């Protein structure tokens, strides 16, 4: 049964350097109450990759905003939709998508929504007793004409965050690397934090590197036979997807050996999440939930680092959060699973 529909509306023409506002609508088309998780949707603001923006037929703009590893959702993280009810949100997409080409762009909403069917209009129990639905929400495309201006194109939040990194601001450009270390892990550097905190992060940085190597070895060993761990977290063992997963792990491992990672233990440390970063960056911010994360199991300290490294060094996205949600994504949407940071973290932690 179909529960949700989405659509967008926006201006027909955009002048480079200005804001570009897009209005998103999601409607409950069922006869049941729906509790929609705001995470990874436009209804929390533009904090994840929720738009598909195409230039011509083949070129898609990459998401260049913040990427956050979260914990378990709370009641405040849901929106309750009664039957027939519609909600709207307007966001400026230039905060996370770098628009600098004077040509037509096609914009559509394209994200994975997570929701519960809510009995008695009550917010869901997210402890795991009730299974959520995962749905792919996609709108019709809107064509926008881009026109030039004397001012420079607007910078994304990712570009602003990379101002002090030692590589290009432009999303997708190659990284500046340190001198090769012949397979050795480069020690990280820090902004803020006590010596004990820095030591904890350093230990888990090295642990994450070792775990990444083990993940890559597992993929190589089982490349020509059934890899049950791969199937659990990434879906059907299809050659092209399998190769892409190996490529992501290869980029993460290479970065541990050739790029000096900076951990910011000062800014954002009180945010109620594990950490965040930006694509094409060498900096990771660690937050409140990181310090209480376990050393084994799922959502660990070293797993958090693998998660964030997959973002900043291999350009993964946050499509769904959570162990069961990642398993469901692999089973239903394997093409999305190979882009999902939690899927890489959980594959690594489960070995």
C-alpha atoms as a PDB file:
ATOM      1  CA  UNK A   1       0.000   0.000   0.000  1.00  0.00           C
ATOM      2  CA  UNK A   2       1.266   3.451  -0.899  1.00  0.00           C
ATOM      3  CA  UNK A   3       1.446   5.831   2.062  1.00  0.00           C
ATOM      4  CA  UNK A   4       3.374   8.920   0.901  1.00  0.00           C
ATOM      5  CA  UNK A   5       3.748  11.108  -2.192  1.00  0.00           C
ATOM      6  CA  UNK A   6       6.122  14.024  -2.734  1.00  0.00           C
ATOM      7  CA  UNK A   7       6.403  16.978  -5.112  1.00  0.00           C
ATOM      8  CA  UNK A   8       8.476  20.153  -5.517  1.00  0.00           C
ATOM      9  CA  UNK A   9       8.024  23.664  -6.852  1.00  0.00           C
ATOM     10  CA  UNK A  10      10.633  26.319  -7.548  1.00  0.00           C
ATOM     11  CA  UNK A  11      11.437  29.373  -9.623  1.00  0.00           C
ATOM     12  CA  UNK A  12      11.876  28.997 -13.367  1.00  0.00           C
ATOM     13  CA  UNK A  13      15.054  31.080 -13.550  1.00  0.00           C
ATOM     14  CA  UNK A  14      18.035  31.418 -11.210  1.00  0.00           C
ATOM     15  CA  UNK A  15      20.756  34.094 -11.186  1.00  0.00           C
ATOM     16  CA  UNK A  16      24.184  32.764 -10.194  1.00  0.00           C
ATOM     17  CA  UNK A  17      25.313  33.845  -6.726  1.00  0.00           C
ATOM     18  CA  UNK A  18      21.828  34.189  -5.253  1.00  0.00           C
ATOM     19  CA  UNK A  19      19.786  31.827  -3.126  1.00  0.00           C
ATOM     20  CA  UNK A  20      17.790  29.126  -4.930  1.00  0.00           C
ATOM     21  CA  UNK A  21      14.731  28.204  -2.893  1.00  0.00           C
ATOM     22  CA  UNK A  22      12.907  24.926  -3.517  1.00  0.00           C
ATOM     23  CA  UNK A  23       9.586  24.083  -1.855  1.00  0.00           C
ATOM     24  CA  UNK A  24       9.064  20.400  -1.032  1.00  0.00           C
ATOM     25  CA  UNK A  25       5.700  18.826  -0.223  1.00  0.00           C
ATOM     26  CA  UNK A  26       5.006  15.370   1.209  1.00  0.00           C
ATOM     27  CA  UNK A  27       1.426  14.108   1.528  1.00  0.00           C
ATOM     28  CA  UNK A  28      -0.020  11.176   3.432  1.00  0.00           C
ATOM     29  CA  UNK A  29      -2.178   9.501   0.764  1.00  0.00           C
ATOM     30  CA  UNK A  30      -3.173   6.577   2.991  1.00  0.00           C
ATOM     31  CA  UNK A  31      -5.985   6.186   5.504  1.00  0.00           C
ATOM     32  CA  UNK A  32      -3.547   5.640   8.377  1.00  0.00           C
ATOM     33  CA  UNK A  33      -1.557   7.932  10.646  1.00  0.00           C
ATOM     34  CA  UNK A  34       2.080   8.172   9.566  1.00  0.00           C
ATOM     35  CA  UNK A  35       5.058   9.138  11.747  1.00  0.00           C
ATOM     36  CA  UNK A  36       7.776  10.280   9.318  1.00  0.00           C
ATOM     37  CA  UNK A  37      11.381  10.508  10.506  1.00  0.00           C
ATOM     38  CA  UNK A  38      12.775  13.940   9.634  1.00  0.00           C
ATOM     39  CA  UNK A  39      16.344  12.671   9.310  1.00  0.00           C
ATOM     40  CA  UNK A  40      17.598  12.535   5.723  1.00  0.00           C
ATOM     41  CA  UNK A  41      14.591  14.496   4.504  1.00  0.00           C
ATOM     42  CA  UNK A  42      14.240  18.226   3.710  1.00  0.00           C
ATOM     43  CA  UNK A  43      12.098  18.625   6.836  1.00  0.00           C
ATOM     44  CA  UNK A  44      15.146  18.974   9.074  1.00  0.00           C
ATOM     45  CA  UNK A  45      16.715  21.501   6.700  1.00  0.00           C
ATOM     46  CA  UNK A  46      19.320  20.625   4.097  1.00  0.00           C
ATOM     47  CA  UNK A  47      21.489  18.265   6.186  1.00  0.00           C
ATOM     48  CA  UNK A  48      21.684  15.313   3.789  1.00  0.00           C
ATOM     49  CA  UNK A  49      21.667  14.371   0.112  1.00  0.00           C
ATOM     50  CA  UNK A  50      17.949  14.684  -0.694  1.00  0.00           C
ATOM     51  CA  UNK A  51      18.014  16.256  -4.171  1.00  0.00           C
ATOM     52  CA  UNK A  52      18.986  14.945  -7.569  1.00  0.00           C
ATOM     53  CA  UNK A  53      20.248  17.834  -9.698  1.00  0.00           C
ATOM     54  CA  UNK A  54      21.188  17.012 -13.274  1.00  0.00           C
ATOM     55  CA  UNK A  55      23.087  19.162 -15.756  1.00  0.00           C
ATOM     56  CA  UNK A  56      22.280  17.810 -19.177  1.00  0.00           C
ATOM     57  CA  UNK A  57      21.745  14.064 -19.504  1.00  0.00           C
ATOM     58  CA  UNK A  58      24.723  12.573 -17.680  1.00  0.00           C
ATOM     59  CA  UNK A  59      26.209  15.025 -15.155  1.00  0.00           C
ATOM     60  CA  UNK A  60      24.772  15.114 -11.619  1.00  0.00           C
ATOM     61  CA  UNK A  61      25.766  17.695  -9.007  1.00  0.00           C
ATOM     62  CA  UNK A  62      27.304  16.086  -5.894  1.00  0.00           C
ATOM     63  CA  UNK A  63      25.963  16.854  -2.430  1.00  0.00           C
ATOM     64  CA  UNK A  64      28.421  19.112  -0.610  1.00  0.00           C
ATOM     65  CA  UNK A  65      26.824  19.700   2.778  1.00  0.00           C
ATOM     66  CA  UNK A  66      27.303  18.322   6.272  1.00  0.00           C
ATOM     67  CA  UNK A  67      27.245  14.518   6.843  1.00  0.00           C
ATOM     68  CA  UNK A  68      26.219  13.467  10.362  1.00  0.00           C
ATOM     69  CA  UNK A  69      26.376  10.086  12.115  1.00  0.00           C
ATOM     70  CA  UNK A  70      23.412   9.967  14.476  1.00  0.00           C
ATOM     71  CA  UNK A  71      22.116   7.808  17.296  1.00  0.00           C
ATOM     72  CA  UNK A  72      18.585   6.502  17.891  1.00  0.00           C
ATOM     73  CA  UNK A  73      15.756   8.893  16.944  1.00  0.00           C
ATOM     74  CA  UNK A  74      13.595  10.493  19.615  1.00  0.00           C
ATOM     75  CA  UNK A  75       9.972  11.678  19.444  1.00  0.00           C
ATOM     76  CA  UNK A  76      11.124  15.169  18.444  1.00  0.00           C
ATOM     77  CA  UNK A  77      12.706  13.691  15.305  1.00  0.00           C
ATOM     78  CA  UNK A  78       9.346  12.610  13.839  1.00  0.00           C
ATOM     79  CA  UNK A  79       6.547  14.454  12.061  1.00  0.00           C
ATOM     80  CA  UNK A  80       3.028  13.091  12.534  1.00  0.00           C
ATOM     81  CA  UNK A  81       0.878  13.075   9.384  1.00  0.00           C
ATOM     82  CA  UNK A  82      -2.846  12.371   9.573  1.00  0.00           C
ATOM     83  CA  UNK A  83      -4.631  10.786   6.581  1.00  0.00           C
ATOM     84  CA  UNK A  84      -4.694  13.303   3.727  1.00  0.00           C
ATOM     85  CA  UNK A  85      -2.398  15.743   5.550  1.00  0.00           C
ATOM     86  CA  UNK A  86       0.379  17.501   3.610  1.00  0.00           C
ATOM     87  CA  UNK A  87       3.519  19.170   4.952  1.00  0.00           C
ATOM     88  CA  UNK A  88       5.836  21.585   3.161  1.00  0.00           C
ATOM     89  CA  UNK A  89       9.388  22.869   3.640  1.00  0.00           C
ATOM     90  CA  UNK A  90      11.446  25.423   1.708  1.00  0.00           C
ATOM     91  CA  UNK A  91      15.241  25.114   1.526  1.00  0.00           C
ATOM     92  CA  UNK A  92      18.036  26.946  -0.275  1.00  0.00           C
ATOM     93  CA  UNK A  93      19.757  24.203  -2.261  1.00  0.00           C
ATOM     94  CA  UNK A  94      22.869  26.324  -2.926  1.00  0.00           C
ATOM     95  CA  UNK A  95      23.890  25.687   0.697  1.00  0.00           C
ATOM     96  CA  UNK A  96      24.797  22.115  -0.286  1.00  0.00           C
ATOM     97  CA  UNK A  97      24.951  21.978  -4.098  1.00  0.00           C
ATOM     98  CA  UNK A  98      27.546  24.061  -5.967  1.00  0.00           C
ATOM     99  CA  UNK A  99      25.847  25.680  -8.944  1.00  0.00           C
ATOM    100  CA  UNK A 100      28.317  27.448 -11.233  1.00  0.00           C
ATOM    101  CA  UNK A 101      27.368  26.480 -14.786  1.00  0.00           C
ATOM    102  CA  UNK A 102      25.202  28.693 -16.983  1.00  0.00           C
ATOM    103  CA  UNK A 103      22.916  26.022 -18.417  1.00  0.00           C
ATOM    104  CA  UNK A 104      19.580  24.407 -17.609  1.00  0.00           C
ATOM    105  CA  UNK A 105      19.410  22.254 -14.481  1.00  0.00           C
ATOM    106  CA  UNK A 106      16.779  19.616 -13.663  1.00  0.00           C
ATOM    107  CA  UNK A 107      15.962  19.402  -9.957  1.00  0.00           C
ATOM    108  CA  UNK A 108      13.964  16.700  -8.183  1.00  0.00           C
ATOM    109  CA  UNK A 109      13.565  15.397  -4.648  1.00  0.00           C
ATOM    110  CA  UNK A 110      15.098  11.937  -4.303  1.00  0.00           C
ATOM    111  CA  UNK A 111      15.560  10.370  -0.851  1.00  0.00           C
ATOM    112  CA  UNK A 112      14.852   7.321   1.277  1.00  0.00           C
ATOM    113  CA  UNK A 113      12.096   7.997   3.795  1.00  0.00           C
ATOM    114  CA  UNK A 114      11.711   6.036   7.020  1.00  0.00           C
ATOM    115  CA  UNK A 115       8.322   5.984   8.711  1.00  0.00           C
ATOM    116  CA  UNK A 116       6.025   4.085  11.036  1.00  0.00           C
ATOM    117  CA  UNK A 117       2.309   3.472  10.707  1.00  0.00           C
ATOM    118  CA  UNK A 118       1.134   4.991  13.966  1.00  0.00           C
ATOM    119  CA  UNK A 119      -1.808   3.608  15.890  1.00  0.00           C
ATOM    120  CA  UNK A 120      -3.929   6.086  17.863  1.00  0.00           C
ATOM    121  CA  UNK A 121      -1.856   8.976  16.446  1.00  0.00           C
ATOM    122  CA  UNK A 122       0.961   8.189  18.898  1.00  0.00           C
ATOM    123  CA  UNK A 123       4.672   8.605  18.272  1.00  0.00           C
ATOM    124  CA  UNK A 124       6.498   5.337  17.586  1.00  0.00           C
ATOM    125  CA  UNK A 125       8.542   3.269  19.975  1.00  0.00           C
ATOM    126  CA  UNK A 126      11.934   3.165  18.239  1.00  0.00           C
ATOM    127  CA  UNK A 127      13.450   0.559  20.552  1.00  0.00           C
ATOM    128  CA  UNK A 128      13.043  -2.086  17.868  1.00  0.00           C
ATOM    129  CA  UNK A 129       9.716  -3.616  18.907  1.00  0.00           C
ATOM    130  CA  UNK A 130       8.041  -2.281  15.762  1.00  0.00           C
ATOM    131  CA  UNK A 131       9.602  -2.372  12.311  1.00  0.00           C
ATOM    132  CA  UNK A 132       9.626   0.842  10.262  1.00  0.00           C
ATOM    133  CA  UNK A 133       8.904   1.152   6.560  1.00  0.00           C
ATOM    134  CA  UNK A 134      11.681   2.302   4.232  1.00  0.00           C
ATOM    135  CA  UNK A 135      10.426   3.968   1.057  1.00  0.00           C
ATOM    136  CA  UNK A 136      12.066   5.652  -1.928  1.00  0.00           C
ATOM    137  CA  UNK A 137      10.459   9.086  -2.415  1.00  0.00           C
ATOM    138  CA  UNK A 138      11.063  10.827  -5.720  1.00  0.00           C
ATOM    139  CA  UNK A 139       9.296  13.805  -7.295  1.00  0.00           C
ATOM    140  CA  UNK A 140       8.853  14.900 -10.885  1.00  0.00           C
ATOM    141  CA  UNK A 141      11.745  17.030 -12.142  1.00  0.00           C
ATOM    142  CA  UNK A 142      11.646  20.808 -12.494  1.00  0.00           C
ATOM    143  CA  UNK A 143      13.759  22.603 -15.121  1.00  0.00           C
ATOM    144  CA  UNK A 144      15.530  25.787 -14.013  1.00  0.00           C
ATOM    145  CA  UNK A 145      17.306  28.185 -16.358  1.00  0.00           C
ATOM    146  CA  UNK A 146      20.613  29.421 -14.904  1.00  0.00           C
ATOM    147  CA  UNK A 147      21.675  32.935 -15.885  1.00  0.00           C
ATOM    148  CA  UNK A 148      25.039  34.661 -15.270  1.00  0.00           C
ATOM    149  CA  UNK A 149      25.811  37.438 -12.843  1.00  0.00           C
ATOM    150  CA  UNK A 150      28.835  39.568 -12.015  1.00  0.00           C
ATOM    151  CA  UNK A 151      29.051  38.045  -8.528  1.00  0.00           C
ATOM    152  CA  UNK A 152      30.794  34.731  -7.792  1.00  0.00           C
ATOM    153  CA  UNK A 153      28.765  31.495  -7.403  1.00  0.00           C
ATOM    154  CA  UNK A 154      27.582  30.909  -3.857  1.00  0.00           C
ATOM    155  CA  UNK A 155      29.852  28.684  -1.735  1.00  0.00           C
ATOM    156  CA  UNK A 156      28.426  25.518  -0.182  1.00  0.00           C
ATOM    157  CA  UNK A 157      28.825  24.658   3.501  1.00  0.00           C
ATOM    158  CA  UNK A 158      31.348  22.003   2.464  1.00  0.00           C
ATOM    159  CA  UNK A 159      33.470  24.572   0.644  1.00  0.00           C
ATOM    160  CA  UNK A 160      33.413  26.867   3.675  1.00  0.00           C
ATOM    161  CA  UNK A 161      34.455  23.958   5.940  1.00  0.00           C
ATOM    162  CA  UNK A 162      37.383  23.138   3.641  1.00  0.00           C
ATOM    163  CA  UNK A 163      38.775  26.678   3.641  1.00  0.00           C
ATOM    164  CA  UNK A 164      41.575  25.630   6.007  1.00  0.00           C
ATOM    165  CA  UNK A 165      42.175  22.189   4.505  1.00  0.00           C
ATOM    166  CA  UNK A 166      45.210  21.649   2.304  1.00  0.00           C
ATOM    167  CA  UNK A 167      43.306  20.901  -0.873  1.00  0.00           C
ATOM    168  CA  UNK A 168      40.851  22.375  -3.344  1.00  0.00           C
ATOM    169  CA  UNK A 169      37.534  23.879  -2.281  1.00  0.00           C
ATOM    170  CA  UNK A 170      35.727  22.434  -5.271  1.00  0.00           C
ATOM    171  CA  UNK A 171      33.764  19.224  -4.497  1.00  0.00           C
ATOM    172  CA  UNK A 172      35.125  16.228  -6.373  1.00  0.00           C
ATOM    173  CA  UNK A 173      38.681  17.504  -6.881  1.00  0.00           C
ATOM    174  CA  UNK A 174      41.569  15.299  -5.835  1.00  0.00           C
ATOM    175  CA  UNK A 175      43.114  15.555  -2.389  1.00  0.00           C
ATOM    176  CA  UNK A 176      46.571  16.797  -1.509  1.00  0.00           C
ATOM    177  CA  UNK A 177      48.388  13.845   0.024  1.00  0.00           C
ATOM    178  CA  UNK A 178      51.239  13.592   2.477  1.00  0.00           C
ATOM    179  CA  UNK A 179      54.403  11.700   1.594  1.00  0.00           C
ATOM    180  CA  UNK A 180      53.800   7.970   1.013  1.00  0.00           C
ATOM    181  CA  UNK A 181      54.336   5.913   4.158  1.00  0.00           C
ATOM    182  CA  UNK A 182      54.731   2.427   2.642  1.00  0.00           C
ATOM    183  CA  UNK A 183      51.516   1.074   4.155  1.00  0.00           C
ATOM    184  CA  UNK A 184      51.977   2.645   7.584  1.00  0.00           C
ATOM    185  CA  UNK A 185      49.143   4.590   9.205  1.00  0.00           C
ATOM    186  CA  UNK A 186      49.788   8.312   9.546  1.00  0.00           C
ATOM    187  CA  UNK A 187      49.165   9.722  13.014  1.00  0.00           C
ATOM    188  CA  UNK A 188      46.238  12.118  13.227  1.00  0.00           C
ATOM    189  CA  UNK A 189      46.418  15.697  14.475  1.00  0.00           C
ATOM    190  CA  UNK A 190      43.943  17.432  16.775  1.00  0.00           C
ATOM    191  CA  UNK A 191      42.058  20.629  17.408  1.00  0.00           C
ATOM    192  CA  UNK A 192      41.187  20.814  21.110  1.00  0.00           C
ATOM    193  CA  UNK A 193      40.518  17.917  23.460  1.00  0.00           C
ATOM    194  CA  UNK A 194      42.424  16.659  26.495  1.00  0.00           C
ATOM    195  CA  UNK A 195      45.440  14.360  26.153  1.00  0.00           C
ATOM    196  CA  UNK A 196      43.279  11.425  27.291  1.00  0.00           C
ATOM    197  CA  UNK A 197      40.678  12.222  24.621  1.00  0.00           C
ATOM    198  CA  UNK A 198      43.343  12.575  21.949  1.00  0.00           C
ATOM    199  CA  UNK A 199      44.862   9.230  23.003  1.00  0.00           C
ATOM    200  CA  UNK A 200      41.427   7.564  22.766  1.00  0.00           C
ATOM    201  CA  UNK A 201      40.886   8.900  19.272  1.00  0.00           C
ATOM    202  CA  UNK A 202      44.405   7.921  18.156  1.00  0.00           C
ATOM    203  CA  UNK A 203      43.892   4.332  19.348  1.00  0.00           C
ATOM    204  CA  UNK A 204      40.592   4.095  17.491  1.00  0.00           C
ATOM    205  CA  UNK A 205      42.055   5.783  14.409  1.00  0.00           C
ATOM    206  CA  UNK A 206      44.655   3.000  14.163  1.00  0.00           C
ATOM    207  CA  UNK A 207      42.013   0.382  15.007  1.00  0.00           C
ATOM    208  CA  UNK A 208      39.791   1.727  12.207  1.00  0.00           C
ATOM    209  CA  UNK A 209      42.675   1.431   9.745  1.00  0.00           C
ATOM    210  CA  UNK A 210      43.259  -2.223  10.693  1.00  0.00           C
ATOM    211  CA  UNK A 211      39.529  -2.982  10.470  1.00  0.00           C
ATOM    212  CA  UNK A 212      39.351  -1.330   7.039  1.00  0.00           C
ATOM    213  CA  UNK A 213      42.195  -3.570   5.848  1.00  0.00           C
ATOM    214  CA  UNK A 214      40.377  -6.642   7.188  1.00  0.00           C
ATOM    215  CA  UNK A 215      37.220  -5.564   5.351  1.00  0.00           C
ATOM    216  CA  UNK A 216      39.107  -5.206   2.086  1.00  0.00           C
ATOM    217  CA  UNK A 217      40.785  -8.599   2.563  1.00  0.00           C
ATOM    218  CA  UNK A 218      37.401 -10.224   3.222  1.00  0.00           C
ATOM    219  CA  UNK A 219      36.041  -8.802  -0.025  1.00  0.00           C
ATOM    220  CA  UNK A 220      39.059 -10.068  -1.966  1.00  0.00           C
ATOM    221  CA  UNK A 221      38.949 -13.577  -0.458  1.00  0.00           C
ATOM    222  CA  UNK A 222      35.224 -14.065  -1.185  1.00  0.00           C
ATOM    223  CA  UNK A 223      35.098 -12.227  -4.518  1.00  0.00           C
ATOM    224  CA  UNK A 224      34.466 -15.425  -6.484  1.00  0.00           C
ATOM    225  CA  UNK A 225      32.193 -17.184  -3.978  1.00  0.00           C
ATOM    226  CA  UNK A 226      29.182 -16.334  -1.833  1.00  0.00           C
ATOM    227  CA  UNK A 227      30.031 -13.590   0.674  1.00  0.00           C
ATOM    228  CA  UNK A 228      27.281 -13.708   3.270  1.00  0.00           C
ATOM    229  CA  UNK A 229      28.536 -10.651   5.123  1.00  0.00           C
ATOM    230  CA  UNK A 230      28.519  -8.647   1.906  1.00  0.00           C
ATOM    231  CA  UNK A 231      24.980  -9.803   1.102  1.00  0.00           C
ATOM    232  CA  UNK A 232      23.812  -8.834   4.602  1.00  0.00           C
ATOM    233  CA  UNK A 233      25.019  -5.239   4.324  1.00  0.00           C
ATOM    234  CA  UNK A 234      25.153  -4.511   0.584  1.00  0.00           C
ATOM    235  CA  UNK A 235      22.631  -6.866  -0.996  1.00  0.00           C
ATOM    236  CA  UNK A 236      22.812  -9.271  -3.897  1.00  0.00           C
ATOM    237  CA  UNK A 237      26.405 -10.040  -4.883  1.00  0.00           C
ATOM    238  CA  UNK A 238      26.477  -8.358  -8.301  1.00  0.00           C
ATOM    239  CA  UNK A 239      29.905  -7.747  -9.864  1.00  0.00           C
ATOM    240  CA  UNK A 240      29.669  -4.002 -10.519  1.00  0.00           C
ATOM    241  CA  UNK A 241      28.376  -3.201  -7.027  1.00  0.00           C
ATOM    242  CA  UNK A 242      30.901  -5.550  -5.404  1.00  0.00           C
ATOM    243  CA  UNK A 243      33.698  -3.741  -7.242  1.00  0.00           C
ATOM    244  CA  UNK A 244      32.378  -0.361  -6.089  1.00  0.00           C
ATOM    245  CA  UNK A 245      32.383  -1.482  -2.428  1.00  0.00           C
ATOM    246  CA  UNK A 246      35.988  -2.660  -2.790  1.00  0.00           C
ATOM    247  CA  UNK A 247      36.864   0.699  -4.346  1.00  0.00           C
ATOM    248  CA  UNK A 248      35.370   2.601  -1.379  1.00  0.00           C
ATOM    249  CA  UNK A 249      37.332   0.513   1.132  1.00  0.00           C
ATOM    250  CA  UNK A 250      40.460   0.974  -0.968  1.00  0.00           C
ATOM    251  CA  UNK A 251      40.071   4.760  -0.834  1.00  0.00           C
ATOM    252  CA  UNK A 252      39.589   4.689   2.945  1.00  0.00           C
ATOM    253  CA  UNK A 253      42.631   2.462   3.506  1.00  0.00           C
ATOM    254  CA  UNK A 254      44.767   4.584   1.181  1.00  0.00           C
ATOM    255  CA  UNK A 255      43.749   7.735   3.048  1.00  0.00           C
ATOM    256  CA  UNK A 256      44.817   6.309   6.403  1.00  0.00           C
ATOM    257  CA  UNK A 257      48.267   5.766   4.882  1.00  0.00           C
ATOM    258  CA  UNK A 258      48.720   8.947   2.832  1.00  0.00           C
ATOM    259  CA  UNK A 259      46.571  11.726   4.329  1.00  0.00           C
ATOM    260  CA  UNK A 260      46.955  13.353   7.741  1.00  0.00           C
ATOM    261  CA  UNK A 261      43.484  13.392   9.291  1.00  0.00           C
ATOM    262  CA  UNK A 262      42.544  16.226  11.641  1.00  0.00           C
ATOM    263  CA  UNK A 263      40.075  15.509  14.449  1.00  0.00           C
ATOM    264  CA  UNK A 264      38.236  18.523  15.833  1.00  0.00           C
ATOM    265  CA  UNK A 265      37.376  17.725  19.471  1.00  0.00           C
ATOM    266  CA  UNK A 266      36.308  21.262  20.279  1.00  0.00           C
ATOM    267  CA  UNK A 267      33.755  22.615  17.827  1.00  0.00           C
ATOM    268  CA  UNK A 268      30.450  20.717  17.861  1.00  0.00           C
ATOM    269  CA  UNK A 269      31.457  18.374  20.706  1.00  0.00           C
ATOM    270  CA  UNK A 270      28.124  18.923  22.494  1.00  0.00           C
ATOM    271  CA  UNK A 271      26.018  18.006  19.456  1.00  0.00           C
ATOM    272  CA  UNK A 272      23.796  14.984  20.158  1.00  0.00           C
ATOM    273  CA  UNK A 273      25.402  12.748  17.529  1.00  0.00           C
ATOM    274  CA  UNK A 274      28.590  10.716  17.020  1.00  0.00           C
ATOM    275  CA  UNK A 275      30.339  13.037  14.609  1.00  0.00           C
ATOM    276  CA  UNK A 276      30.227  14.790  11.276  1.00  0.00           C
ATOM    277  CA  UNK A 277      32.370  15.720   8.314  1.00  0.00           C
ATOM    278  CA  UNK A 278      32.223  16.935   4.719  1.00  0.00           C
ATOM    279  CA  UNK A 279      33.105  15.278   1.432  1.00  0.00           C
ATOM    280  CA  UNK A 280      36.563  15.936  -0.013  1.00  0.00           C
ATOM    281  CA  UNK A 281      37.851  16.929   3.439  1.00  0.00           C
ATOM    282  CA  UNK A 282      40.580  15.659   5.750  1.00  0.00           C
ATOM    283  CA  UNK A 283      38.843  16.827   8.922  1.00  0.00           C
ATOM    284  CA  UNK A 284      36.407  14.948  11.184  1.00  0.00           C
ATOM    285  CA  UNK A 285      34.432  16.490  14.050  1.00  0.00           C
ATOM    286  CA  UNK A 286      33.699  14.137  16.979  1.00  0.00           C
ATOM    287  CA  UNK A 287      30.660  14.788  19.165  1.00  0.00           C
ATOM    288  CA  UNK A 288      28.903  13.713  22.362  1.00  0.00           C
ATOM    289  CA  UNK A 289      27.844  10.164  21.445  1.00  0.00           C
ATOM    290  CA  UNK A 290      31.339   9.202  20.280  1.00  0.00           C
ATOM    291  CA  UNK A 291      32.726   9.318  23.815  1.00  0.00           C
ATOM    292  CA  UNK A 292      30.160   6.829  25.178  1.00  0.00           C
ATOM    293  CA  UNK A 293      30.255   4.512  22.139  1.00  0.00           C
ATOM    294  CA  UNK A 294      31.318   0.894  22.875  1.00  0.00           C
ATOM    295  CA  UNK A 295      34.598  -0.697  21.803  1.00  0.00           C
ATOM    296  CA  UNK A 296      32.901  -3.707  20.167  1.00  0.00           C
ATOM    297  CA  UNK A 297      29.573  -4.529  18.561  1.00  0.00           C
ATOM    298  CA  UNK A 298      27.812  -1.932  16.444  1.00  0.00           C
ATOM    299  CA  UNK A 299      28.131   1.890  16.505  1.00  0.00           C
ATOM    300  CA  UNK A 300      31.582   1.658  18.074  1.00  0.00           C
ATOM    301  CA  UNK A 301      34.254   4.325  18.345  1.00  0.00           C
ATOM    302  CA  UNK A 302      36.409   2.801  15.603  1.00  0.00           C
ATOM    303  CA  UNK A 303      33.286   2.131  13.507  1.00  0.00           C
ATOM    304  CA  UNK A 304      32.343   5.798  13.777  1.00  0.00           C
ATOM    305  CA  UNK A 305      35.744   6.681  12.302  1.00  0.00           C
ATOM    306  CA  UNK A 306      35.228   4.207   9.438  1.00  0.00           C
ATOM    307  CA  UNK A 307      31.805   5.787   8.864  1.00  0.00           C
ATOM    308  CA  UNK A 308      33.198   9.332   8.740  1.00  0.00           C
ATOM    309  CA  UNK A 309      36.211   8.318   6.638  1.00  0.00           C
ATOM    310  CA  UNK A 310      33.852   6.790   4.083  1.00  0.00           C
ATOM    311  CA  UNK A 311      32.214  10.220   3.813  1.00  0.00           C
ATOM    312  CA  UNK A 312      35.218  12.504   3.671  1.00  0.00           C
ATOM    313  CA  UNK A 313      37.551  10.229   1.708  1.00  0.00           C
ATOM    314  CA  UNK A 314      35.206   8.133  -0.478  1.00  0.00           C
ATOM    315  CA  UNK A 315      32.111  10.379  -0.803  1.00  0.00           C
ATOM    316  CA  UNK A 316      29.479   8.052   0.664  1.00  0.00           C
ATOM    317  CA  UNK A 317      26.147   9.496   1.812  1.00  0.00           C
ATOM    318  CA  UNK A 318      23.801   8.993   4.757  1.00  0.00           C
ATOM    319  CA  UNK A 319      20.813   7.251   3.207  1.00  0.00           C
ATOM    320  CA  UNK A 320      19.521   5.378   6.269  1.00  0.00           C
ATOM    321  CA  UNK A 321      20.721   5.039   9.862  1.00  0.00           C
ATOM    322  CA  UNK A 322      20.641   1.982  12.082  1.00  0.00           C
ATOM    323  CA  UNK A 323      21.481  -1.716  11.945  1.00  0.00           C
ATOM    324  CA  UNK A 324      18.106  -3.107  10.869  1.00  0.00           C
ATOM    325  CA  UNK A 325      17.491  -0.207   8.508  1.00  0.00           C
ATOM    326  CA  UNK A 326      20.846  -0.874   6.809  1.00  0.00           C
ATOM    327  CA  UNK A 327      19.973  -4.569   6.439  1.00  0.00           C
ATOM    328  CA  UNK A 328      16.602  -3.649   4.906  1.00  0.00           C
ATOM    329  CA  UNK A 329      18.282  -1.199   2.538  1.00  0.00           C
ATOM    330  CA  UNK A 330      20.637  -3.944   1.327  1.00  0.00           C
ATOM    331  CA  UNK A 331      17.759  -6.334   0.751  1.00  0.00           C
ATOM    332  CA  UNK A 332      15.407  -3.897  -1.010  1.00  0.00           C
ATOM    333  CA  UNK A 333      17.657  -1.199  -2.508  1.00  0.00           C
ATOM    334  CA  UNK A 334      21.187  -2.637  -3.002  1.00  0.00           C
ATOM    335  CA  UNK A 335      22.158   0.224  -5.344  1.00  0.00           C
ATOM    336  CA  UNK A 336      21.548   2.625  -2.446  1.00  0.00           C
ATOM    337  CA  UNK A 337      23.244   0.374   0.137  1.00  0.00           C
ATOM    338  CA  UNK A 338      26.638   0.688  -1.585  1.00  0.00           C
ATOM    339  CA  UNK A 339      26.370   4.485  -1.144  1.00  0.00           C
ATOM    340  CA  UNK A 340      25.384   4.351   2.544  1.00  0.00           C
ATOM    341  CA  UNK A 341      28.007   5.083   5.231  1.00  0.00           C
ATOM    342  CA  UNK A 342      26.349   2.994   7.965  1.00  0.00           C
ATOM    343  CA  UNK A 343      26.449  -0.024   5.630  1.00  0.00           C
ATOM    344  CA  UNK A 344      30.253   0.215   5.434  1.00  0.00           C
ATOM    345  CA  UNK A 345      30.547   0.743   9.180  1.00  0.00           C
ATOM    346  CA  UNK A 346      28.360  -2.274  10.035  1.00  0.00           C
ATOM    347  CA  UNK A 347      30.056  -4.556   7.496  1.00  0.00           C
ATOM    348  CA  UNK A 348      33.398  -3.688   9.113  1.00  0.00           C
ATOM    349  CA  UNK A 349      32.121  -4.049  12.694  1.00  0.00           C
ATOM    350  CA  UNK A 350      30.479  -7.420  11.939  1.00  0.00           C
ATOM    351  CA  UNK A 351      33.677  -9.140  10.780  1.00  0.00           C
END
